[in-house]
N, C-alpha and C. Protein backbone atom coordinates (compact mmCIF):
# COMPACT_ATOMS: atom_id res chain seq x y z
N MET A 1 114.35 155.76 64.76
CA MET A 1 113.57 155.13 66.32
C MET A 1 113.94 153.16 65.76
N SER A 2 114.29 153.12 66.89
CA SER A 2 114.05 151.37 67.20
C SER A 2 113.53 150.71 68.18
N LYS A 3 112.58 150.07 68.02
CA LYS A 3 111.56 149.16 69.00
C LYS A 3 112.53 148.19 69.41
N LYS A 4 112.24 147.98 70.71
CA LYS A 4 112.79 146.95 70.94
C LYS A 4 111.83 145.72 70.91
N SER A 5 111.50 144.16 70.24
CA SER A 5 110.89 143.77 70.86
C SER A 5 111.16 142.23 70.99
N LEU A 6 110.83 140.93 71.27
CA LEU A 6 111.37 139.63 71.13
C LEU A 6 110.74 139.19 69.96
N THR A 7 111.54 138.68 69.19
CA THR A 7 111.18 137.55 67.59
C THR A 7 110.69 136.70 67.73
N PHE A 8 110.29 135.83 66.88
CA PHE A 8 109.65 134.53 67.16
C PHE A 8 111.04 134.07 67.23
N LEU A 9 112.14 133.97 66.36
CA LEU A 9 113.26 133.17 66.46
C LEU A 9 113.44 133.05 68.40
N GLU A 10 113.72 133.84 68.92
CA GLU A 10 114.28 134.01 70.30
C GLU A 10 112.95 133.46 70.93
N ILE A 11 111.69 133.77 70.81
CA ILE A 11 111.03 132.67 71.70
C ILE A 11 111.08 131.26 71.29
N LEU A 12 111.33 131.13 70.03
CA LEU A 12 111.10 129.79 70.14
C LEU A 12 112.72 129.13 70.68
N VAL A 13 113.80 129.75 70.63
CA VAL A 13 115.01 129.30 70.94
C VAL A 13 115.09 129.13 72.41
N SER A 14 114.76 130.64 73.36
CA SER A 14 114.13 130.21 74.80
C SER A 14 113.63 128.95 75.25
N ALA A 15 112.24 128.69 74.06
CA ALA A 15 111.86 127.69 74.29
C ALA A 15 112.06 126.03 74.75
N LEU A 16 113.16 126.45 73.26
CA LEU A 16 113.80 124.93 73.18
C LEU A 16 114.50 124.94 74.50
N ILE A 17 115.28 125.68 74.75
CA ILE A 17 116.16 125.85 76.23
C ILE A 17 115.26 125.39 76.95
N LEU A 18 114.57 125.81 77.23
CA LEU A 18 113.53 125.75 78.87
C LEU A 18 113.32 124.12 78.70
N ALA A 19 112.50 123.63 77.41
CA ALA A 19 111.98 122.48 77.39
C ALA A 19 113.12 121.08 77.45
N THR A 20 114.40 121.51 77.17
CA THR A 20 115.74 121.11 77.43
C THR A 20 115.85 120.51 78.92
N ALA A 21 115.74 121.91 79.20
CA ALA A 21 116.22 121.84 80.77
C ALA A 21 115.04 121.10 81.96
N LEU A 22 113.97 121.43 81.41
CA LEU A 22 112.76 120.52 82.43
C LEU A 22 113.01 119.19 81.93
N GLY A 23 112.87 118.84 80.68
CA GLY A 23 113.69 117.39 80.18
C GLY A 23 114.42 116.92 80.97
N GLY A 24 115.28 117.71 81.26
CA GLY A 24 116.27 117.14 82.48
C GLY A 24 116.24 116.79 83.74
N VAL A 25 115.36 117.35 84.46
CA VAL A 25 114.44 117.16 85.60
C VAL A 25 113.79 116.32 85.88
N LEU A 26 113.19 116.74 84.56
CA LEU A 26 111.80 115.26 84.58
C LEU A 26 112.65 113.49 84.61
N ALA A 27 113.53 113.56 83.99
CA ALA A 27 114.12 112.36 83.77
C ALA A 27 115.10 112.27 85.15
N SER A 28 115.83 113.22 85.90
CA SER A 28 116.32 112.68 87.15
C SER A 28 115.54 112.23 88.15
N PHE A 29 114.35 112.66 87.99
CA PHE A 29 112.77 112.49 89.09
C PHE A 29 112.81 110.78 88.60
N VAL A 30 112.53 110.60 87.76
CA VAL A 30 112.21 109.39 87.20
C VAL A 30 113.62 108.61 87.65
N SER A 31 114.80 108.65 87.38
CA SER A 31 115.68 107.63 88.14
C SER A 31 115.84 107.63 89.40
N VAL A 32 115.59 108.95 89.72
CA VAL A 32 115.64 108.82 91.74
C VAL A 32 114.33 108.13 91.96
N ARG A 33 113.44 107.94 91.45
CA ARG A 33 112.49 107.19 92.13
C ARG A 33 112.58 105.87 92.10
N LYS A 34 113.19 105.41 90.68
CA LYS A 34 113.22 104.36 90.20
C LYS A 34 114.10 103.58 91.24
N ALA A 35 115.63 104.52 91.56
CA ALA A 35 116.43 104.22 93.28
C ALA A 35 115.93 104.09 94.56
N VAL A 36 114.95 104.70 94.38
CA VAL A 36 114.27 104.53 95.69
C VAL A 36 113.54 103.73 95.83
N LEU A 37 113.01 102.84 95.41
CA LEU A 37 111.83 101.82 94.73
C LEU A 37 112.84 100.69 95.22
N ARG A 38 113.89 101.02 94.31
CA ARG A 38 114.84 99.25 94.66
C ARG A 38 115.42 99.32 95.80
N SER A 39 115.65 100.75 96.67
CA SER A 39 116.32 100.56 97.65
C SER A 39 114.97 100.52 98.78
N ASP A 40 113.70 100.52 98.53
CA ASP A 40 112.52 99.93 99.80
C ASP A 40 112.26 98.85 99.36
N LYS A 41 112.23 97.73 98.26
CA LYS A 41 112.75 96.67 98.25
C LYS A 41 113.77 95.80 99.25
N ARG A 42 114.68 96.22 99.06
CA ARG A 42 115.88 95.64 99.38
C ARG A 42 115.60 96.06 101.66
N LEU A 43 115.35 97.01 101.45
CA LEU A 43 115.04 97.39 103.00
C LEU A 43 113.36 96.40 103.70
N ALA A 44 112.83 96.27 102.71
CA ALA A 44 111.83 95.20 102.94
C ALA A 44 111.93 93.94 103.05
N ALA A 45 113.37 93.51 102.47
CA ALA A 45 113.67 92.25 102.31
C ALA A 45 114.34 92.16 103.76
N PHE A 46 115.34 93.27 103.64
CA PHE A 46 116.38 93.07 105.41
C PHE A 46 114.84 92.63 106.21
N ASN A 47 113.92 93.40 106.71
CA ASN A 47 113.38 93.72 107.87
C ASN A 47 112.44 92.29 107.77
N ILE A 48 112.31 91.32 106.64
CA ILE A 48 111.29 90.12 106.81
C ILE A 48 112.62 89.14 106.80
N ALA A 49 114.04 89.30 106.93
CA ALA A 49 114.66 88.74 106.98
C ALA A 49 114.83 88.62 108.94
N ARG A 50 114.91 90.02 109.42
CA ARG A 50 115.43 90.02 110.79
C ARG A 50 113.96 90.03 111.81
N GLY A 51 112.73 89.89 111.06
CA GLY A 51 111.51 89.35 111.71
C GLY A 51 111.55 87.76 111.70
N ILE A 52 112.29 86.88 110.81
CA ILE A 52 112.43 85.59 111.06
C ILE A 52 113.42 85.45 111.98
N LEU A 53 114.49 85.64 112.45
CA LEU A 53 115.65 85.54 113.15
C LEU A 53 115.19 86.19 114.56
N GLU A 54 114.65 87.20 114.50
CA GLU A 54 113.82 87.07 115.86
C GLU A 54 112.63 86.56 116.46
N ASP A 55 112.33 86.13 115.51
CA ASP A 55 111.20 85.00 116.25
C ASP A 55 112.07 83.65 116.32
N LEU A 56 112.78 83.17 115.86
CA LEU A 56 113.99 82.12 116.10
C LEU A 56 114.46 82.51 117.30
N TYR A 57 115.14 83.71 117.58
CA TYR A 57 115.05 84.06 119.06
C TYR A 57 114.55 83.51 120.06
N LYS A 58 113.64 83.70 119.74
CA LYS A 58 112.44 83.59 120.78
C LYS A 58 112.93 81.86 121.45
N GLU A 59 113.21 81.20 120.00
CA GLU A 59 113.28 79.71 120.51
C GLU A 59 114.42 79.22 121.15
N VAL A 60 115.16 80.14 121.52
CA VAL A 60 116.44 79.28 122.13
C VAL A 60 116.21 79.34 123.51
N ARG A 61 116.08 77.69 123.71
CA ARG A 61 115.19 77.56 124.60
C ARG A 61 116.18 75.64 124.96
N GLU A 62 116.34 75.54 126.24
CA GLU A 62 117.26 74.44 126.63
C GLU A 62 116.29 72.89 126.10
N ASP A 63 114.95 73.28 126.39
CA ASP A 63 113.77 72.14 126.40
C ASP A 63 113.50 72.08 125.01
N THR A 64 113.89 72.94 124.15
CA THR A 64 113.58 72.75 122.70
C THR A 64 114.93 72.56 121.69
N TRP A 65 115.71 72.58 122.03
CA TRP A 65 116.79 73.03 121.47
C TRP A 65 117.22 72.27 120.22
N ASP A 66 117.28 70.95 120.64
CA ASP A 66 117.58 69.77 119.62
C ASP A 66 115.79 69.04 119.28
N THR A 67 114.86 70.11 119.27
CA THR A 67 113.62 69.12 118.90
C THR A 67 112.71 70.14 117.84
N GLY A 68 113.03 71.78 118.29
CA GLY A 68 112.18 72.60 117.62
C GLY A 68 113.03 72.93 116.35
N ARG A 69 112.58 74.71 115.78
CA ARG A 69 112.86 75.37 115.03
C ARG A 69 114.36 75.00 114.49
N LEU A 70 115.05 75.22 115.64
CA LEU A 70 116.60 75.56 115.71
C LEU A 70 117.40 73.92 115.31
N ASN A 71 116.67 72.84 115.27
CA ASN A 71 117.18 71.94 114.61
C ASN A 71 117.81 71.69 113.78
N PRO A 72 118.81 71.46 114.22
CA PRO A 72 120.00 71.54 112.58
C PRO A 72 119.19 70.02 111.38
N GLY A 73 118.91 70.88 110.39
CA GLY A 73 118.65 70.51 109.19
C GLY A 73 117.43 70.86 109.24
N TYR A 74 116.79 71.62 109.71
CA TYR A 74 115.19 72.11 109.64
C TYR A 74 115.67 73.47 109.03
N THR A 75 114.17 73.29 108.20
CA THR A 75 114.30 74.23 107.15
C THR A 75 112.88 74.79 106.65
N GLU A 76 112.67 76.23 106.78
CA GLU A 76 111.33 76.04 106.96
C GLU A 76 110.97 77.41 105.39
N ASN A 77 109.85 78.14 104.69
CA ASN A 77 109.82 78.53 103.60
C ASN A 77 108.50 79.32 103.66
N GLY A 78 108.28 80.35 103.01
CA GLY A 78 107.32 81.07 102.89
C GLY A 78 106.97 82.18 101.87
N THR A 79 105.73 83.02 101.81
CA THR A 79 105.91 84.12 101.37
C THR A 79 104.95 85.30 101.76
N ILE A 80 105.15 86.14 101.42
CA ILE A 80 104.53 87.77 102.14
C ILE A 80 104.25 88.54 100.94
N GLN A 81 103.37 89.28 101.06
CA GLN A 81 102.99 89.99 99.93
C GLN A 81 103.03 91.70 100.45
N LEU A 82 103.57 92.68 100.47
CA LEU A 82 104.04 93.82 100.92
C LEU A 82 102.73 95.00 99.69
N PRO A 83 102.49 95.78 100.38
CA PRO A 83 101.51 97.00 99.94
C PRO A 83 102.72 97.91 100.18
N PRO A 84 102.91 99.14 99.25
CA PRO A 84 101.82 99.51 98.42
C PRO A 84 102.09 99.20 96.79
N GLU A 85 103.05 98.47 96.80
CA GLU A 85 103.39 98.34 95.90
C GLU A 85 102.60 96.54 95.30
N ASN A 86 102.45 96.06 96.34
CA ASN A 86 102.08 94.38 96.57
C ASN A 86 103.35 93.42 95.44
N ILE A 87 104.19 93.93 96.53
CA ILE A 87 105.46 93.10 95.75
C ILE A 87 105.65 91.91 96.77
N THR A 88 105.49 90.49 95.95
CA THR A 88 105.86 89.43 96.70
C THR A 88 107.39 89.27 96.99
N TYR A 89 107.48 88.40 97.91
CA TYR A 89 108.86 88.40 98.55
C TYR A 89 108.63 87.03 98.92
N ASN A 90 109.63 86.10 98.61
CA ASN A 90 110.03 84.61 99.08
C ASN A 90 110.94 84.58 99.67
N TRP A 91 110.84 83.42 101.21
CA TRP A 91 111.44 83.46 102.05
C TRP A 91 112.05 82.11 102.55
N ASP A 92 113.26 81.55 102.90
CA ASP A 92 113.14 80.36 103.00
C ASP A 92 114.77 80.79 104.43
N TYR A 93 114.47 79.64 105.13
CA TYR A 93 115.47 79.57 106.04
C TYR A 93 116.32 77.89 106.68
N ALA A 94 117.35 77.72 106.23
CA ALA A 94 117.72 76.48 107.35
C ALA A 94 118.88 76.98 108.64
N VAL A 95 118.77 75.67 108.79
CA VAL A 95 119.58 75.65 110.79
C VAL A 95 120.69 74.45 110.43
N ASN A 96 121.61 74.66 110.70
CA ASN A 96 123.05 74.30 110.07
C ASN A 96 123.83 74.03 111.48
N PRO A 97 124.43 72.72 111.41
CA PRO A 97 125.54 72.39 112.76
C PRO A 97 126.30 73.30 112.39
N VAL A 98 126.87 73.96 113.67
CA VAL A 98 128.44 74.22 113.58
C VAL A 98 129.38 72.97 113.91
N GLY A 99 130.05 73.05 113.18
CA GLY A 99 130.76 71.49 113.13
C GLY A 99 132.04 71.16 115.02
N GLY A 100 130.80 70.35 115.32
CA GLY A 100 131.68 69.81 116.34
C GLY A 100 131.04 70.99 118.34
N GLN A 101 130.53 71.73 117.69
CA GLN A 101 129.68 72.56 118.45
C GLN A 101 127.63 72.17 118.98
N ASP A 102 128.02 71.35 119.89
CA ASP A 102 126.39 70.73 120.09
C ASP A 102 125.71 72.49 120.51
N TYR A 103 126.14 73.41 121.21
CA TYR A 103 125.40 74.84 121.75
C TYR A 103 125.31 75.80 120.19
N TYR A 104 126.03 75.45 119.20
CA TYR A 104 125.98 76.73 117.94
C TYR A 104 124.96 76.46 117.21
N ARG A 105 124.65 76.83 116.52
CA ARG A 105 123.63 77.02 114.92
C ARG A 105 123.95 77.76 114.32
N GLN A 106 123.90 77.59 112.85
CA GLN A 106 124.28 78.77 111.99
C GLN A 106 122.66 78.86 111.11
N VAL A 107 122.16 79.87 111.42
CA VAL A 107 121.02 79.74 110.49
C VAL A 107 120.98 81.10 109.26
N ILE A 108 120.39 80.28 108.37
CA ILE A 108 120.53 81.48 106.84
C ILE A 108 119.35 81.75 106.34
N VAL A 109 119.41 82.67 105.77
CA VAL A 109 118.16 83.05 105.75
C VAL A 109 118.27 84.00 104.73
N ASN A 110 117.00 83.27 103.15
CA ASN A 110 117.28 84.11 101.77
C ASN A 110 115.86 84.65 101.93
N VAL A 111 115.57 85.74 101.23
CA VAL A 111 114.91 87.09 101.27
C VAL A 111 114.81 86.77 99.72
N ARG A 112 113.67 86.37 98.41
CA ARG A 112 114.28 87.23 97.11
C ARG A 112 112.94 87.88 96.64
N PHE A 113 112.86 88.44 95.96
CA PHE A 113 111.89 89.30 95.05
C PHE A 113 111.97 89.87 93.69
N PRO A 114 111.27 90.18 92.78
CA PRO A 114 111.37 90.93 91.97
C PRO A 114 112.39 92.17 91.67
N GLN A 115 113.56 91.76 90.63
CA GLN A 115 114.38 92.80 90.28
C GLN A 115 114.10 93.61 89.28
N ASP A 116 113.32 94.81 89.20
CA ASP A 116 113.08 95.68 87.99
C ASP A 116 114.36 96.45 87.34
C-alpha cells in the first residue's frame, strides 16, 4: 500500500522556489518604476524648454528684435514645481548673437532637476 502525499520538505522547497520567483518579479517592478520616473522627469524638462522657446517665438517681431527678450545678452531664469511628485525644475536661458548676422539669434535653454 503506497500512499502518495507531499512531504514537508517538498512543500518547503516549492515555497522557496516560488518566493525566489516572486522576488525577481518584484525587483523588476521596482527597477522599471525608477526608470519610468527618470523618464518622466526628462520629458517634463523637455516640455519646459519647449514652452520657453514657444514663448520666445511669439516675440520674433521686427519692432522688438533689438529691445525685447531676444536681444543679444538677455538672460532669464525661474523655477517651476510640477505634480504629482512635486519635483522642482530650475530653468534659465540666454540669448547670444550669431557671428556677424544681425538677424540670427542663438537661444540656449537649460533645465535642471534632481537626479535620483
